[in-house]
PDB file of all heavy atoms in Angstrom:
ATOM      1  N   SER A   1      27.523 -12.947 -29.941  1.00  0.00           N
ATOM      2  CA  SER A   1      28.331 -13.810 -30.826  1.00  0.00           C
ATOM      3  C   SER A   1      29.352 -14.654 -30.105  1.00  0.00           C
ATOM      4  O   SER A   1      29.831 -15.632 -30.654  1.00  0.00           O
ATOM      5  CB  SER A   1      29.012 -12.937 -31.915  1.00  0.00           C
ATOM      6  OG  SER A   1      29.954 -12.041 -31.342  1.00  0.00           O
ATOM      7  N   CYS A   2      29.638 -14.350 -28.833  1.00  0.00           N
ATOM      8  CA  CYS A   2      30.582 -15.179 -28.060  1.00  0.00           C
ATOM      9  C   CYS A   2      29.889 -16.459 -27.577  1.00  0.00           C
ATOM     10  O   CYS A   2      30.541 -17.330 -26.999  1.00  0.00           O
ATOM     11  CB  CYS A   2      31.202 -14.381 -26.926  1.00  0.00           C
ATOM     12  SG  CYS A   2      30.056 -14.077 -25.541  1.00  0.00           S
ATOM     13  N   LEU A   3      28.583 -16.517 -27.698  1.00  0.00           N
ATOM     14  CA  LEU A   3      27.811 -17.688 -27.228  1.00  0.00           C
ATOM     15  C   LEU A   3      27.333 -18.551 -28.368  1.00  0.00           C
ATOM     16  O   LEU A   3      26.654 -19.567 -28.118  1.00  0.00           O
ATOM     17  CB  LEU A   3      26.636 -17.246 -26.389  1.00  0.00           C
ATOM     18  CG  LEU A   3      26.930 -16.456 -25.106  1.00  0.00           C
ATOM     19  CD1 LEU A   3      25.656 -16.033 -24.422  1.00  0.00           C
ATOM     20  CD2 LEU A   3      27.839 -17.234 -24.184  1.00  0.00           C
ATOM     21  N   LEU A   4      27.655 -18.188 -29.605  1.00  0.00           N
ATOM     22  CA  LEU A   4      27.203 -18.965 -30.757  1.00  0.00           C
ATOM     23  C   LEU A   4      28.368 -19.482 -31.547  1.00  0.00           C
ATOM     24  O   LEU A   4      29.473 -18.884 -31.519  1.00  0.00           O
ATOM     25  CB  LEU A   4      26.351 -18.090 -31.667  1.00  0.00           C
ATOM     26  CG  LEU A   4      25.024 -17.610 -31.144  1.00  0.00           C
ATOM     27  CD1 LEU A   4      24.389 -16.593 -32.054  1.00  0.00           C
ATOM     28  CD2 LEU A   4      24.078 -18.775 -30.935  1.00  0.00           C
ATOM     29  N   LEU A   5      28.147 -20.579 -32.232  1.00  0.00           N
ATOM     30  CA  LEU A   5      29.172 -21.105 -33.121  1.00  0.00           C
ATOM     31  C   LEU A   5      28.980 -20.523 -34.543  1.00  0.00           C
ATOM     32  O   LEU A   5      27.867 -20.235 -34.939  1.00  0.00           O
ATOM     33  CB  LEU A   5      29.079 -22.615 -33.207  1.00  0.00           C
ATOM     34  CG  LEU A   5      29.308 -23.323 -31.859  1.00  0.00           C
ATOM     35  CD1 LEU A   5      29.010 -24.844 -31.996  1.00  0.00           C
ATOM     36  CD2 LEU A   5      30.674 -23.096 -31.289  1.00  0.00           C
ATOM     37  N   ALA A   6      30.102 -20.330 -35.253  1.00  0.00           N
ATOM     38  CA  ALA A   6      30.037 -19.748 -36.583  1.00  0.00           C
ATOM     39  C   ALA A   6      29.069 -20.494 -37.478  1.00  0.00           C
ATOM     40  O   ALA A   6      28.337 -19.825 -38.241  1.00  0.00           O
ATOM     41  CB  ALA A   6      31.416 -19.677 -37.169  1.00  0.00           C
ATOM     42  N   PRO A   7      29.060 -21.821 -37.462  1.00  0.00           N
ATOM     43  CA  PRO A   7      28.101 -22.523 -38.344  1.00  0.00           C
ATOM     44  C   PRO A   7      26.624 -22.182 -38.121  1.00  0.00           C
ATOM     45  O   PRO A   7      25.786 -22.321 -38.999  1.00  0.00           O
ATOM     46  CB  PRO A   7      28.385 -23.985 -38.073  1.00  0.00           C
ATOM     47  CG  PRO A   7      29.815 -24.033 -37.667  1.00  0.00           C
ATOM     48  CD  PRO A   7      29.980 -22.773 -36.858  1.00  0.00           C
ATOM     49  N   GLN A   8      26.291 -21.687 -36.897  1.00  0.00           N
ATOM     50  CA  GLN A   8      24.938 -21.326 -36.609  1.00  0.00           C
ATOM     51  C   GLN A   8      24.518 -20.058 -37.392  1.00  0.00           C
ATOM     52  O   GLN A   8      23.295 -19.808 -37.539  1.00  0.00           O
ATOM     53  CB  GLN A   8      24.760 -21.054 -35.103  1.00  0.00           C
ATOM     54  CG  GLN A   8      24.819 -22.325 -34.305  1.00  0.00           C
ATOM     55  CD  GLN A   8      24.756 -22.056 -32.817  1.00  0.00           C
ATOM     56  OE1 GLN A   8      25.720 -21.653 -32.179  1.00  0.00           O
ATOM     57  NE2 GLN A   8      23.571 -22.233 -32.234  1.00  0.00           N
ATOM     58  N   ALA A   9      25.480 -19.301 -37.916  1.00  0.00           N
ATOM     59  CA  ALA A   9      25.172 -18.118 -38.690  1.00  0.00           C
ATOM     60  C   ALA A   9      25.139 -18.400 -40.207  1.00  0.00           C
ATOM     61  O   ALA A   9      24.863 -17.481 -40.954  1.00  0.00           O
ATOM     62  CB  ALA A   9      26.204 -17.045 -38.387  1.00  0.00           C
ATOM     63  N   ASP A  10      25.402 -19.623 -40.583  1.00  0.00           N
ATOM     64  CA  ASP A  10      25.468 -19.955 -41.994  1.00  0.00           C
ATOM     65  C   ASP A  10      24.162 -19.546 -42.703  1.00  0.00           C
ATOM     66  O   ASP A  10      23.070 -19.853 -42.265  1.00  0.00           O
ATOM     67  CB  ASP A  10      25.709 -21.446 -42.191  1.00  0.00           C
ATOM     68  CG  ASP A  10      25.913 -21.839 -43.616  1.00  0.00           C
ATOM     69  OD1 ASP A  10      26.680 -21.161 -44.338  1.00  0.00           O
ATOM     70  OD2 ASP A  10      25.255 -22.780 -44.086  1.00  0.00           O
ATOM     71  N   GLY A  11      24.362 -18.843 -43.788  1.00  0.00           N
ATOM     72  CA  GLY A  11      23.197 -18.400 -44.592  1.00  0.00           C
ATOM     73  C   GLY A  11      22.590 -17.096 -44.193  1.00  0.00           C
ATOM     74  O   GLY A  11      21.686 -16.571 -44.837  1.00  0.00           O
ATOM     75  N   ASP A  12      23.096 -16.470 -43.116  1.00  0.00           N
ATOM     76  CA  ASP A  12      22.525 -15.208 -42.672  1.00  0.00           C
ATOM     77  C   ASP A  12      22.968 -14.053 -43.584  1.00  0.00           C
ATOM     78  O   ASP A  12      24.118 -13.987 -43.979  1.00  0.00           O
ATOM     79  CB  ASP A  12      22.968 -14.913 -41.222  1.00  0.00           C
ATOM     80  CG  ASP A  12      22.221 -13.700 -40.651  1.00  0.00           C
ATOM     81  OD1 ASP A  12      21.012 -13.766 -40.591  1.00  0.00           O
ATOM     82  OD2 ASP A  12      22.888 -12.691 -40.337  1.00  0.00           O
ATOM     83  N   ALA A  13      22.005 -13.229 -43.912  1.00  0.00           N
ATOM     84  CA  ALA A  13      22.273 -12.071 -44.771  1.00  0.00           C
ATOM     85  C   ALA A  13      22.116 -10.805 -43.896  1.00  0.00           C
ATOM     86  O   ALA A  13      20.998 -10.350 -43.678  1.00  0.00           O
ATOM     87  CB  ALA A  13      21.306 -12.015 -45.942  1.00  0.00           C
ATOM     88  N   GLY A  14      23.232 -10.295 -43.393  1.00  0.00           N
ATOM     89  CA  GLY A  14      23.173  -9.119 -42.510  1.00  0.00           C
ATOM     90  C   GLY A  14      22.766  -7.838 -43.277  1.00  0.00           C
ATOM     91  O   GLY A  14      22.902  -7.750 -44.462  1.00  0.00           O
ATOM     92  N   GLU A  15      22.266  -6.912 -42.513  1.00  0.00           N
ATOM     93  CA  GLU A  15      21.778  -5.655 -43.051  1.00  0.00           C
ATOM     94  C   GLU A  15      22.880  -4.648 -43.217  1.00  0.00           C
ATOM     95  O   GLU A  15      23.966  -4.761 -42.629  1.00  0.00           O
ATOM     96  CB  GLU A  15      20.745  -5.074 -42.071  1.00  0.00           C
ATOM     97  CG  GLU A  15      19.556  -5.954 -41.824  1.00  0.00           C
ATOM     98  CD  GLU A  15      18.648  -5.376 -40.765  1.00  0.00           C
ATOM     99  OE1 GLU A  15      18.830  -4.211 -40.294  1.00  0.00           O
ATOM    100  OE2 GLU A  15      17.698  -6.073 -40.409  1.00  0.00           O
ATOM    101  N   GLU A  16      22.606  -3.625 -43.980  1.00  0.00           N
ATOM    102  CA  GLU A  16      23.505  -2.470 -44.072  1.00  0.00           C
ATOM    103  C   GLU A  16      23.379  -1.694 -42.727  1.00  0.00           C
ATOM    104  O   GLU A  16      22.421  -1.885 -41.981  1.00  0.00           O
ATOM    105  CB  GLU A  16      23.083  -1.536 -45.206  1.00  0.00           C
ATOM    106  CG  GLU A  16      23.327  -2.102 -46.590  1.00  0.00           C
ATOM    107  CD  GLU A  16      24.790  -2.207 -46.900  1.00  0.00           C
ATOM    108  OE1 GLU A  16      25.617  -1.397 -46.405  1.00  0.00           O
ATOM    109  OE2 GLU A  16      25.160  -3.129 -47.655  1.00  0.00           O
ATOM    110  N   LEU A  17      24.329  -0.885 -42.454  1.00  0.00           N
ATOM    111  CA  LEU A  17      24.297  -0.087 -41.252  1.00  0.00           C
ATOM    112  C   LEU A  17      23.049   0.806 -41.244  1.00  0.00           C
ATOM    113  O   LEU A  17      22.583   1.295 -42.243  1.00  0.00           O
ATOM    114  CB  LEU A  17      25.575   0.725 -41.110  1.00  0.00           C
ATOM    115  CG  LEU A  17      26.837  -0.117 -41.019  1.00  0.00           C
ATOM    116  CD1 LEU A  17      28.052   0.800 -40.953  1.00  0.00           C
ATOM    117  CD2 LEU A  17      26.803  -1.051 -39.818  1.00  0.00           C
ATOM    118  N   ASN A  18      22.523   1.058 -40.014  1.00  0.00           N
ATOM    119  CA  ASN A  18      21.217   1.807 -39.919  1.00  0.00           C
ATOM    120  C   ASN A  18      21.399   3.199 -39.416  1.00  0.00           C
ATOM    121  O   ASN A  18      22.519   3.625 -39.059  1.00  0.00           O
ATOM    122  CB  ASN A  18      20.309   0.986 -39.007  1.00  0.00           C
ATOM    123  CG  ASN A  18      20.838   0.825 -37.640  1.00  0.00           C
ATOM    124  OD1 ASN A  18      21.174   1.818 -36.977  1.00  0.00           O
ATOM    125  ND2 ASN A  18      21.010  -0.415 -37.149  1.00  0.00           N
ATOM    126  N   PRO A  19      20.294   4.006 -39.371  1.00  0.00           N
ATOM    127  CA  PRO A  19      20.357   5.396 -38.998  1.00  0.00           C
ATOM    128  C   PRO A  19      20.795   5.645 -37.556  1.00  0.00           C
ATOM    129  O   PRO A  19      21.070   6.781 -37.217  1.00  0.00           O
ATOM    130  CB  PRO A  19      18.907   5.875 -39.186  1.00  0.00           C
ATOM    131  CG  PRO A  19      18.299   4.926 -40.156  1.00  0.00           C
ATOM    132  CD  PRO A  19      18.996   3.634 -39.892  1.00  0.00           C
ATOM    133  N   LEU A  20      20.868   4.604 -36.742  1.00  0.00           N
ATOM    134  CA  LEU A  20      21.350   4.820 -35.374  1.00  0.00           C
ATOM    135  C   LEU A  20      22.745   5.396 -35.335  1.00  0.00           C
ATOM    136  O   LEU A  20      23.069   6.144 -34.450  1.00  0.00           O
ATOM    137  CB  LEU A  20      21.345   3.482 -34.588  1.00  0.00           C
ATOM    138  CG  LEU A  20      20.000   3.101 -34.007  1.00  0.00           C
ATOM    139  CD1 LEU A  20      20.094   1.660 -33.464  1.00  0.00           C
ATOM    140  CD2 LEU A  20      19.546   4.033 -32.937  1.00  0.00           C
ATOM    141  N   GLN A  21      23.571   5.027 -36.311  1.00  0.00           N
ATOM    142  CA  GLN A  21      24.932   5.521 -36.334  1.00  0.00           C
ATOM    143  C   GLN A  21      24.969   7.053 -36.373  1.00  0.00           C
ATOM    144  O   GLN A  21      25.733   7.698 -35.692  1.00  0.00           O
ATOM    145  CB  GLN A  21      25.680   4.994 -37.519  1.00  0.00           C
ATOM    146  CG  GLN A  21      26.038   3.540 -37.392  1.00  0.00           C
ATOM    147  CD  GLN A  21      26.819   3.031 -38.555  1.00  0.00           C
ATOM    148  OE1 GLN A  21      26.506   3.312 -39.743  1.00  0.00           O
ATOM    149  NE2 GLN A  21      27.876   2.321 -38.280  1.00  0.00           N
ATOM    150  N   GLN A  22      24.136   7.657 -37.208  1.00  0.00           N
ATOM    151  CA  GLN A  22      24.093   9.116 -37.305  1.00  0.00           C
ATOM    152  C   GLN A  22      23.637   9.699 -35.997  1.00  0.00           C
ATOM    153  O   GLN A  22      24.179  10.693 -35.528  1.00  0.00           O
ATOM    154  CB  GLN A  22      23.204   9.564 -38.445  1.00  0.00           C
ATOM    155  CG  GLN A  22      23.167  11.076 -38.599  1.00  0.00           C
ATOM    156  CD  GLN A  22      24.535  11.694 -38.818  1.00  0.00           C
ATOM    157  OE1 GLN A  22      25.395  11.174 -39.505  1.00  0.00           O
ATOM    158  NE2 GLN A  22      24.739  12.852 -38.201  1.00  0.00           N
ATOM    159  N   ALA A  23      22.608   9.075 -35.381  1.00  0.00           N
ATOM    160  CA  ALA A  23      22.114   9.620 -34.108  1.00  0.00           C
ATOM    161  C   ALA A  23      23.188   9.474 -33.037  1.00  0.00           C
ATOM    162  O   ALA A  23      23.375  10.415 -32.211  1.00  0.00           O
ATOM    163  CB  ALA A  23      20.871   8.847 -33.652  1.00  0.00           C
ATOM    164  N   PHE A  24      23.956   8.417 -33.038  1.00  0.00           N
ATOM    165  CA  PHE A  24      25.030   8.247 -32.050  1.00  0.00           C
ATOM    166  C   PHE A  24      26.096   9.379 -32.280  1.00  0.00           C
ATOM    167  O   PHE A  24      26.623   9.951 -31.321  1.00  0.00           O
ATOM    168  CB  PHE A  24      25.709   6.868 -32.152  1.00  0.00           C
ATOM    169  CG  PHE A  24      25.097   5.881 -31.188  1.00  0.00           C
ATOM    170  CD1 PHE A  24      23.768   5.538 -31.263  1.00  0.00           C
ATOM    171  CD2 PHE A  24      25.890   5.276 -30.256  1.00  0.00           C
ATOM    172  CE1 PHE A  24      23.206   4.630 -30.393  1.00  0.00           C
ATOM    173  CE2 PHE A  24      25.368   4.319 -29.374  1.00  0.00           C
ATOM    174  CZ  PHE A  24      24.021   3.994 -29.439  1.00  0.00           C
ATOM    175  N   ARG A  25      26.367   9.663 -33.509  1.00  0.00           N
ATOM    176  CA  ARG A  25      27.337  10.691 -33.795  1.00  0.00           C
ATOM    177  C   ARG A  25      26.862  12.079 -33.332  1.00  0.00           C
ATOM    178  O   ARG A  25      27.543  12.798 -32.669  1.00  0.00           O
ATOM    179  CB  ARG A  25      27.652  10.720 -35.306  1.00  0.00           C
ATOM    180  CG  ARG A  25      28.685  11.744 -35.692  1.00  0.00           C
ATOM    181  CD  ARG A  25      29.020  11.669 -37.136  1.00  0.00           C
ATOM    182  NE  ARG A  25      29.959  12.693 -37.507  1.00  0.00           N
ATOM    183  CZ  ARG A  25      29.922  13.390 -38.618  1.00  0.00           C
ATOM    184  NH1 ARG A  25      29.009  13.110 -39.491  1.00  0.00           N
ATOM    185  NH2 ARG A  25      30.826  14.275 -38.833  1.00  0.00           N
ATOM    186  N   SER A  26      25.646  12.393 -33.715  1.00  0.00           N
ATOM    187  CA  SER A  26      25.090  13.703 -33.382  1.00  0.00           C
ATOM    188  C   SER A  26      24.852  13.915 -31.871  1.00  0.00           C
ATOM    189  O   SER A  26      24.905  15.048 -31.435  1.00  0.00           O
ATOM    190  CB  SER A  26      23.857  14.052 -34.201  1.00  0.00           C
ATOM    191  OG  SER A  26      22.800  13.182 -33.823  1.00  0.00           O
ATOM    192  N   CYS A  27      24.605  12.851 -31.167  1.00  0.00           N
ATOM    193  CA  CYS A  27      24.374  12.914 -29.733  1.00  0.00           C
ATOM    194  C   CYS A  27      25.667  12.662 -28.921  1.00  0.00           C
ATOM    195  O   CYS A  27      25.609  12.596 -27.683  1.00  0.00           O
ATOM    196  CB  CYS A  27      23.287  11.963 -29.304  1.00  0.00           C
ATOM    197  SG  CYS A  27      21.647  12.357 -29.926  1.00  0.00           S
ATOM    198  N   HIS A  28      26.773  12.482 -29.563  1.00  0.00           N
ATOM    199  CA  HIS A  28      28.071  12.225 -28.919  1.00  0.00           C
ATOM    200  C   HIS A  28      27.981  10.964 -28.011  1.00  0.00           C
ATOM    201  O   HIS A  28      28.476  10.939 -26.911  1.00  0.00           O
ATOM    202  CB  HIS A  28      28.572  13.404 -28.122  1.00  0.00           C
ATOM    203  CG  HIS A  28      28.634  14.641 -28.919  1.00  0.00           C
ATOM    204  ND1 HIS A  28      29.610  14.861 -29.889  1.00  0.00           N
ATOM    205  CD2 HIS A  28      27.823  15.746 -28.969  1.00  0.00           C
ATOM    206  CE1 HIS A  28      29.402  16.022 -30.473  1.00  0.00           C
ATOM    207  NE2 HIS A  28      28.316  16.532 -29.944  1.00  0.00           N
ATOM    208  N   ALA A  29      27.374   9.919 -28.545  1.00  0.00           N
ATOM    209  CA  ALA A  29      27.178   8.697 -27.807  1.00  0.00           C
ATOM    210  C   ALA A  29      28.241   7.644 -28.078  1.00  0.00           C
ATOM    211  O   ALA A  29      28.191   6.555 -27.574  1.00  0.00           O
ATOM    212  CB  ALA A  29      25.771   8.102 -28.102  1.00  0.00           C
ATOM    213  N   LEU A  30      29.233   7.972 -28.913  1.00  0.00           N
ATOM    214  CA  LEU A  30      30.240   6.998 -29.303  1.00  0.00           C
ATOM    215  C   LEU A  30      31.271   6.717 -28.224  1.00  0.00           C
ATOM    216  O   LEU A  30      31.714   5.623 -28.046  1.00  0.00           O
ATOM    217  CB  LEU A  30      30.923   7.390 -30.608  1.00  0.00           C
ATOM    218  CG  LEU A  30      30.022   7.464 -31.796  1.00  0.00           C
ATOM    219  CD1 LEU A  30      30.693   8.201 -32.927  1.00  0.00           C
ATOM    220  CD2 LEU A  30      29.558   6.101 -32.167  1.00  0.00           C
ATOM    221  N   GLN A  31      31.697   7.676 -27.502  1.00  0.00           N
ATOM    222  CA  GLN A  31      32.674   7.634 -26.439  1.00  0.00           C
ATOM    223  C   GLN A  31      33.898   6.798 -26.878  1.00  0.00           C
ATOM    224  O   GLN A  31      34.402   7.056 -27.941  1.00  0.00           O
ATOM    225  CB  GLN A  31      31.992   7.053 -25.174  1.00  0.00           C
ATOM    226  CG  GLN A  31      30.888   8.002 -24.747  1.00  0.00           C
ATOM    227  CD  GLN A  31      29.991   7.396 -23.696  1.00  0.00           C
ATOM    228  OE1 GLN A  31      30.434   7.193 -22.607  1.00  0.00           O
ATOM    229  NE2 GLN A  31      28.718   7.150 -24.029  1.00  0.00           N
ATOM    230  N   CYS A  32      34.358   5.839 -26.124  1.00  0.00           N
ATOM    231  CA  CYS A  32      35.573   5.105 -26.480  1.00  0.00           C
ATOM    232  C   CYS A  32      35.324   4.146 -27.637  1.00  0.00           C
ATOM    233  O   CYS A  32      36.243   3.781 -28.328  1.00  0.00           O
ATOM    234  CB  CYS A  32      36.177   4.385 -25.292  1.00  0.00           C
ATOM    235  SG  CYS A  32      35.377   2.807 -24.891  1.00  0.00           S
ATOM    236  N   GLY A  33      34.090   3.691 -27.779  1.00  0.00           N
ATOM    237  CA  GLY A  33      33.739   2.806 -28.905  1.00  0.00           C
ATOM    238  C   GLY A  33      33.749   1.336 -28.621  1.00  0.00           C
ATOM    239  O   GLY A  33      33.340   0.545 -29.441  1.00  0.00           O
ATOM    240  N   PHE A  34      34.195   0.896 -27.430  1.00  0.00           N
ATOM    241  CA  PHE A  34      34.272  -0.501 -27.150  1.00  0.00           C
ATOM    242  C   PHE A  34      32.854  -1.134 -27.078  1.00  0.00           C
ATOM    243  O   PHE A  34      32.628  -2.178 -27.681  1.00  0.00           O
ATOM    244  CB  PHE A  34      34.990  -0.785 -25.832  1.00  0.00           C
ATOM    245  CG  PHE A  34      35.248  -2.225 -25.605  1.00  0.00           C
ATOM    246  CD1 PHE A  34      36.306  -2.849 -26.183  1.00  0.00           C
ATOM    247  CD2 PHE A  34      34.385  -3.012 -24.866  1.00  0.00           C
ATOM    248  CE1 PHE A  34      36.560  -4.231 -26.013  1.00  0.00           C
ATOM    249  CE2 PHE A  34      34.598  -4.361 -24.636  1.00  0.00           C
ATOM    250  CZ  PHE A  34      35.688  -4.964 -25.244  1.00  0.00           C
ATOM    251  N   CYS A  35      31.936  -0.500 -26.391  1.00  0.00           N
ATOM    252  CA  CYS A  35      30.574  -1.029 -26.279  1.00  0.00           C
ATOM    253  C   CYS A  35      29.714  -0.676 -27.417  1.00  0.00           C
ATOM    254  O   CYS A  35      28.620  -1.289 -27.608  1.00  0.00           O
ATOM    255  CB  CYS A  35      29.967  -0.554 -24.964  1.00  0.00           C
ATOM    256  SG  CYS A  35      29.621   1.212 -24.910  1.00  0.00           S
ATOM    257  N   THR A  36      30.057   0.302 -28.226  1.00  0.00           N
ATOM    258  CA  THR A  36      29.183   0.892 -29.253  1.00  0.00           C
ATOM    259  C   THR A  36      28.648  -0.124 -30.228  1.00  0.00           C
ATOM    260  O   THR A  36      27.427  -0.134 -30.484  1.00  0.00           O
ATOM    261  CB  THR A  36      29.900   2.025 -29.976  1.00  0.00           C
ATOM    262  OG1 THR A  36      30.323   2.986 -29.004  1.00  0.00           O
ATOM    263  CG2 THR A  36      28.956   2.680 -30.997  1.00  0.00           C
ATOM    264  N   PRO A  37      29.441  -1.023 -30.851  1.00  0.00           N
ATOM    265  CA  PRO A  37      28.860  -1.937 -31.811  1.00  0.00           C
ATOM    266  C   PRO A  37      27.771  -2.816 -31.219  1.00  0.00           C
ATOM    267  O   PRO A  37      26.682  -2.986 -31.810  1.00  0.00           O
ATOM    268  CB  PRO A  37      30.031  -2.789 -32.262  1.00  0.00           C
ATOM    269  CG  PRO A  37      31.240  -1.897 -32.051  1.00  0.00           C
ATOM    270  CD  PRO A  37      30.912  -1.133 -30.790  1.00  0.00           C
ATOM    271  N   GLY A  38      27.975  -3.367 -30.037  1.00  0.00           N
ATOM    272  CA  GLY A  38      26.985  -4.226 -29.394  1.00  0.00           C
ATOM    273  C   GLY A  38      25.715  -3.428 -29.075  1.00  0.00           C
ATOM    274  O   GLY A  38      24.611  -3.929 -29.255  1.00  0.00           O
ATOM    275  N   ILE A  39      25.891  -2.215 -28.580  1.00  0.00           N
ATOM    276  CA  ILE A  39      24.709  -1.384 -28.243  1.00  0.00           C
ATOM    277  C   ILE A  39      23.971  -1.001 -29.495  1.00  0.00           C
ATOM    278  O   ILE A  39      22.717  -1.020 -29.531  1.00  0.00           O
ATOM    279  CB  ILE A  39      25.125  -0.158 -27.404  1.00  0.00           C
ATOM    280  CG1 ILE A  39      25.567  -0.604 -26.021  1.00  0.00           C
ATOM    281  CG2 ILE A  39      23.998   0.866 -27.274  1.00  0.00           C
ATOM    282  CD1 ILE A  39      26.132   0.512 -25.131  1.00  0.00           C
ATOM    283  N   LEU A  40      24.653  -0.633 -30.576  1.00  0.00           N
ATOM    284  CA  LEU A  40      23.977  -0.289 -31.832  1.00  0.00           C
ATOM    285  C   LEU A  40      23.130  -1.455 -32.340  1.00  0.00           C
ATOM    286  O   LEU A  40      21.964  -1.272 -32.777  1.00  0.00           O
ATOM    287  CB  LEU A  40      25.010   0.126 -32.882  1.00  0.00           C
ATOM    288  CG  LEU A  40      25.523   1.544 -32.804  1.00  0.00           C
ATOM    289  CD1 LEU A  40      26.700   1.694 -33.738  1.00  0.00           C
ATOM    290  CD2 LEU A  40      24.437   2.555 -33.116  1.00  0.00           C
TER     291      LEU A  40
END
């Protein structure tokens, strides 16, 4: 998202959060959380 302009996302319908979040929680993959959103 740091390489795109906001107007390029116009009309996009993002998804609900997916099952990866639960897997990250149960496997203790969250750590500090800085990289987590991008990796998810």
